[in-house]
Amino acid sequence: MILLNYAHPLTPDHLAHIEALTGAAIAQVIELNSQIDPHRPLAPQVVAMADAAGLTPIQWQTESLLINLPSLNFSAACLLAELHGRMGYFPPALRLRPVKDAIPPRFEVAEVMNLQAVREEARGRRG
C-alpha cells in the first residue's frame, strides 16, 4: 500500500498501527505539502497537491492507496473530490486523535475510514 501523507509526519508506531488495522504492508509513504495560498483559487492548488504525488493515471486507478488528509477542512474536501475523479472512488483515509493527557501533545491513529463504504451506505438514504 502507498500512503499519501498530506498532514503531519507519521511515526514508526503510527505506521505499525496502520498496518495492523489494514492488514496490509505500507510499501511507501509519500510526504506531500498541503500548504495553500488563501489569496489564490483553491482548486488549482489542490490539483498541484495531487500531481505532487507523482503517480501515473494507471497508478491512481490500480494501486492500493491510503490518504492522510490535510488538516485544513476545505483543502481536505477539495482534495477528496480531486482524488475521487482520478481514482473512480473515495480513497480510505486516516483519522488521528489526540492522546489523552499527553505532554507534549501527540496523536495516535484512531481508525482507517472506508469513505467509499460511507458513500455507498449514504446512497441508501437518498429517499
C-alpha atoms as a PDB file:
ATOM      1  CA  MET A   1       0.000   0.000   0.000  1.00  0.00           C
ATOM      2  CA  ILE A   2       1.115   3.555  -0.698  1.00  0.00           C
ATOM      3  CA  LEU A   3       0.327   6.116   1.991  1.00  0.00           C
ATOM      4  CA  LEU A   4      -0.089   9.678   0.731  1.00  0.00           C
ATOM      5  CA  ASN A   5       0.584  11.920   3.715  1.00  0.00           C
ATOM      6  CA  TYR A   6      -0.773  15.450   3.347  1.00  0.00           C
ATOM      7  CA  ALA A   7      -0.548  16.154   7.089  1.00  0.00           C
ATOM      8  CA  HIS A   8       1.989  15.958   9.911  1.00  0.00           C
ATOM      9  CA  PRO A   9       4.720  13.309   9.745  1.00  0.00           C
ATOM     10  CA  LEU A  10       3.768   9.820  10.879  1.00  0.00           C
ATOM     11  CA  THR A  11       5.954   7.893  13.322  1.00  0.00           C
ATOM     12  CA  PRO A  12       7.033   4.245  13.055  1.00  0.00           C
ATOM     13  CA  ASP A  13       4.403   3.464  15.737  1.00  0.00           C
ATOM     14  CA  HIS A  14       1.718   5.128  13.599  1.00  0.00           C
ATOM     15  CA  LEU A  15       2.778   3.103  10.565  1.00  0.00           C
ATOM     16  CA  ALA A  16       2.789  -0.166  12.520  1.00  0.00           C
ATOM     17  CA  HIS A  17      -0.719   0.582  13.834  1.00  0.00           C
ATOM     18  CA  ILE A  18      -1.941   1.372  10.313  1.00  0.00           C
ATOM     19  CA  GLU A  19      -0.543  -1.920   9.036  1.00  0.00           C
ATOM     20  CA  ALA A  20      -2.253  -3.769  11.895  1.00  0.00           C
ATOM     21  CA  LEU A  21      -5.598  -2.054  11.157  1.00  0.00           C
ATOM     22  CA  THR A  22      -5.462  -2.628   7.404  1.00  0.00           C
ATOM     23  CA  GLY A  23      -3.695  -5.984   7.327  1.00  0.00           C
ATOM     24  CA  ALA A  24      -1.503  -4.588   4.540  1.00  0.00           C
ATOM     25  CA  ALA A  25       2.150  -3.615   4.452  1.00  0.00           C
ATOM     26  CA  ILE A  26       2.988   0.002   3.726  1.00  0.00           C
ATOM     27  CA  ALA A  27       5.358  -0.168   0.775  1.00  0.00           C
ATOM     28  CA  GLN A  28       5.866   3.586   0.531  1.00  0.00           C
ATOM     29  CA  VAL A  29       4.994   6.788   2.364  1.00  0.00           C
ATOM     30  CA  ILE A  30       4.894   9.852   0.138  1.00  0.00           C
ATOM     31  CA  GLU A  31       5.175  13.062   2.175  1.00  0.00           C
ATOM     32  CA  LEU A  32       3.261  15.871   0.470  1.00  0.00           C
ATOM     33  CA  ASN A  33       2.951  19.569   1.199  1.00  0.00           C
ATOM     34  CA  SER A  34      -0.610  20.764   1.737  1.00  0.00           C
ATOM     35  CA  GLN A  35       0.064  24.445   2.388  1.00  0.00           C
ATOM     36  CA  ILE A  36      -2.158  26.735   0.365  1.00  0.00           C
ATOM     37  CA  ASP A  37      -2.155  30.410  -0.522  1.00  0.00           C
ATOM     38  CA  PRO A  38      -5.515  31.688   0.791  1.00  0.00           C
ATOM     39  CA  HIS A  39      -5.446  34.536  -1.747  1.00  0.00           C
ATOM     40  CA  ARG A  40      -5.431  32.211  -4.763  1.00  0.00           C
ATOM     41  CA  PRO A  41      -8.186  29.876  -6.014  1.00  0.00           C
ATOM     42  CA  LEU A  42      -8.073  26.573  -4.148  1.00  0.00           C
ATOM     43  CA  ALA A  43      -8.864  24.018  -6.881  1.00  0.00           C
ATOM     44  CA  PRO A  44      -5.677  24.571  -8.942  1.00  0.00           C
ATOM     45  CA  GLN A  45      -3.602  24.361  -5.752  1.00  0.00           C
ATOM     46  CA  VAL A  46      -5.239  21.042  -4.877  1.00  0.00           C
ATOM     47  CA  VAL A  47      -4.592  19.713  -8.391  1.00  0.00           C
ATOM     48  CA  ALA A  48      -0.912  20.553  -7.799  1.00  0.00           C
ATOM     49  CA  MET A  49      -1.062  18.710  -4.424  1.00  0.00           C
ATOM     50  CA  ALA A  50      -2.362  15.590  -6.138  1.00  0.00           C
ATOM     51  CA  ASP A  51       0.129  15.925  -9.010  1.00  0.00           C
ATOM     52  CA  ALA A  52       2.969  16.164  -6.469  1.00  0.00           C
ATOM     53  CA  ALA A  53       2.361  12.522  -5.511  1.00  0.00           C
ATOM     54  CA  GLY A  54       3.972  11.629  -8.836  1.00  0.00           C
ATOM     55  CA  LEU A  55       1.525   8.820  -9.601  1.00  0.00           C
ATOM     56  CA  THR A  56       0.533   7.902 -13.148  1.00  0.00           C
ATOM     57  CA  PRO A  57      -3.121   7.711 -14.201  1.00  0.00           C
ATOM     58  CA  ILE A  58      -2.828   3.911 -14.095  1.00  0.00           C
ATOM     59  CA  GLN A  59      -1.389   4.005 -10.551  1.00  0.00           C
ATOM     60  CA  TRP A  60      -4.217   6.254  -9.336  1.00  0.00           C
ATOM     61  CA  GLN A  61      -6.680   3.629 -10.556  1.00  0.00           C
ATOM     62  CA  THR A  62      -4.869   0.415  -9.617  1.00  0.00           C
ATOM     63  CA  GLU A  63      -2.563   0.941  -6.626  1.00  0.00           C
ATOM     64  CA  SER A  64      -3.718   0.382  -3.075  1.00  0.00           C
ATOM     65  CA  LEU A  65      -3.702   3.938  -1.685  1.00  0.00           C
ATOM     66  CA  LEU A  66      -4.353   5.315   1.790  1.00  0.00           C
ATOM     67  CA  ILE A  67      -4.664   9.057   2.392  1.00  0.00           C
ATOM     68  CA  ASN A  68      -3.755  11.148   5.418  1.00  0.00           C
ATOM     69  CA  LEU A  69      -5.777  14.227   4.508  1.00  0.00           C
ATOM     70  CA  PRO A  70      -4.698  17.838   5.026  1.00  0.00           C
ATOM     71  CA  SER A  71      -5.857  19.271   8.339  1.00  0.00           C
ATOM     72  CA  LEU A  72      -7.449  22.299   6.671  1.00  0.00           C
ATOM     73  CA  ASN A  73     -11.072  21.290   6.099  1.00  0.00           C
ATOM     74  CA  PHE A  74     -11.684  22.946   2.732  1.00  0.00           C
ATOM     75  CA  SER A  75      -8.368  21.635   1.369  1.00  0.00           C
ATOM     76  CA  ALA A  76      -9.343  18.128   2.503  1.00  0.00           C
ATOM     77  CA  ALA A  77     -12.799  18.429   0.885  1.00  0.00           C
ATOM     78  CA  CYS A  78     -11.399  19.656  -2.418  1.00  0.00           C
ATOM     79  CA  LEU A  79      -8.626  17.022  -2.386  1.00  0.00           C
ATOM     80  CA  LEU A  80     -11.190  14.246  -1.852  1.00  0.00           C
ATOM     81  CA  ALA A  81     -13.117  15.461  -4.906  1.00  0.00           C
ATOM     82  CA  GLU A  82      -9.904  15.565  -6.962  1.00  0.00           C
ATOM     83  CA  LEU A  83      -8.827  12.092  -5.848  1.00  0.00           C
ATOM     84  CA  HIS A  84     -12.285  10.630  -6.487  1.00  0.00           C
ATOM     85  CA  GLY A  85     -12.036  11.927 -10.036  1.00  0.00           C
ATOM     86  CA  ARG A  86      -8.611  10.354 -10.537  1.00  0.00           C
ATOM     87  CA  MET A  87      -9.345   7.067  -8.762  1.00  0.00           C
ATOM     88  CA  GLY A  88     -13.021   6.490  -9.540  1.00  0.00           C
ATOM     89  CA  TYR A  89     -13.873   6.007  -5.859  1.00  0.00           C
ATOM     90  CA  PHE A  90     -13.246   7.626  -2.497  1.00  0.00           C
ATOM     91  CA  PRO A  91      -9.920   6.558  -1.004  1.00  0.00           C
ATOM     92  CA  PRO A  92      -9.650   5.217   2.535  1.00  0.00           C
ATOM     93  CA  ALA A  93      -8.448   7.934   4.908  1.00  0.00           C
ATOM     94  CA  LEU A  94      -6.730   8.030   8.274  1.00  0.00           C
ATOM     95  CA  ARG A  95      -8.291   9.598  11.346  1.00  0.00           C
ATOM     96  CA  LEU A  96      -5.882  10.644  14.056  1.00  0.00           C
ATOM     97  CA  ARG A  97      -6.868  11.729  17.547  1.00  0.00           C
ATOM     98  CA  PRO A  98      -5.032  13.389  20.420  1.00  0.00           C
ATOM     99  CA  VAL A  99      -3.572  11.079  23.050  1.00  0.00           C
ATOM    100  CA  LYS A 100      -5.380  11.861  26.296  1.00  0.00           C
ATOM    101  CA  ASP A 101      -3.261  13.790  28.827  1.00  0.00           C
ATOM    102  CA  ALA A 102      -0.114  13.545  26.678  1.00  0.00           C
ATOM    103  CA  ILE A 103       2.532  16.156  27.428  1.00  0.00           C
ATOM    104  CA  PRO A 104       3.736  17.323  24.991  1.00  0.00           C
ATOM    105  CA  PRO A 105       0.643  16.831  22.849  1.00  0.00           C
ATOM    106  CA  ARG A 106       0.796  13.904  20.439  1.00  0.00           C
ATOM    107  CA  PHE A 107      -1.573  11.980  18.219  1.00  0.00           C
ATOM    108  CA  GLU A 108      -2.441   8.351  17.646  1.00  0.00           C
ATOM    109  CA  VAL A 109      -4.138   6.547  14.786  1.00  0.00           C
ATOM    110  CA  ALA A 110      -7.821   6.220  15.696  1.00  0.00           C
ATOM    111  CA  GLU A 111      -9.106   4.430  12.601  1.00  0.00           C
ATOM    112  CA  VAL A 112      -8.883   3.943   8.875  1.00  0.00           C
ATOM    113  CA  MET A 113     -12.108   5.318   7.441  1.00  0.00           C
ATOM    114  CA  ASN A 114     -13.574   3.493   4.448  1.00  0.00           C
ATOM    115  CA  LEU A 115     -15.025   6.554   2.738  1.00  0.00           C
ATOM    116  CA  GLN A 116     -16.309   4.579  -0.254  1.00  0.00           C
ATOM    117  CA  ALA A 117     -18.366   2.381   2.088  1.00  0.00           C
ATOM    118  CA  VAL A 118     -19.737   5.519   3.792  1.00  0.00           C
ATOM    119  CA  ARG A 119     -20.764   6.852   0.386  1.00  0.00           C
ATOM    120  CA  GLU A 120     -22.417   3.595  -0.642  1.00  0.00           C
ATOM    121  CA  GLU A 121     -24.395   3.392   2.607  1.00  0.00           C
ATOM    122  CA  ALA A 122     -25.487   7.010   2.212  1.00  0.00           C
ATOM    123  CA  ARG A 123     -26.941   6.250  -1.224  1.00  0.00           C
ATOM    124  CA  GLY A 124     -29.474   4.057   0.557  1.00  0.00           C
ATOM    125  CA  ARG A 125     -30.681   7.100   2.486  1.00  0.00           C
ATOM    126  CA  ARG A 126     -31.448   9.203  -0.597  1.00  0.00           C
ATOM    127  CA  GLY A 127     -35.153   8.569  -0.153  1.00  0.00           C
END
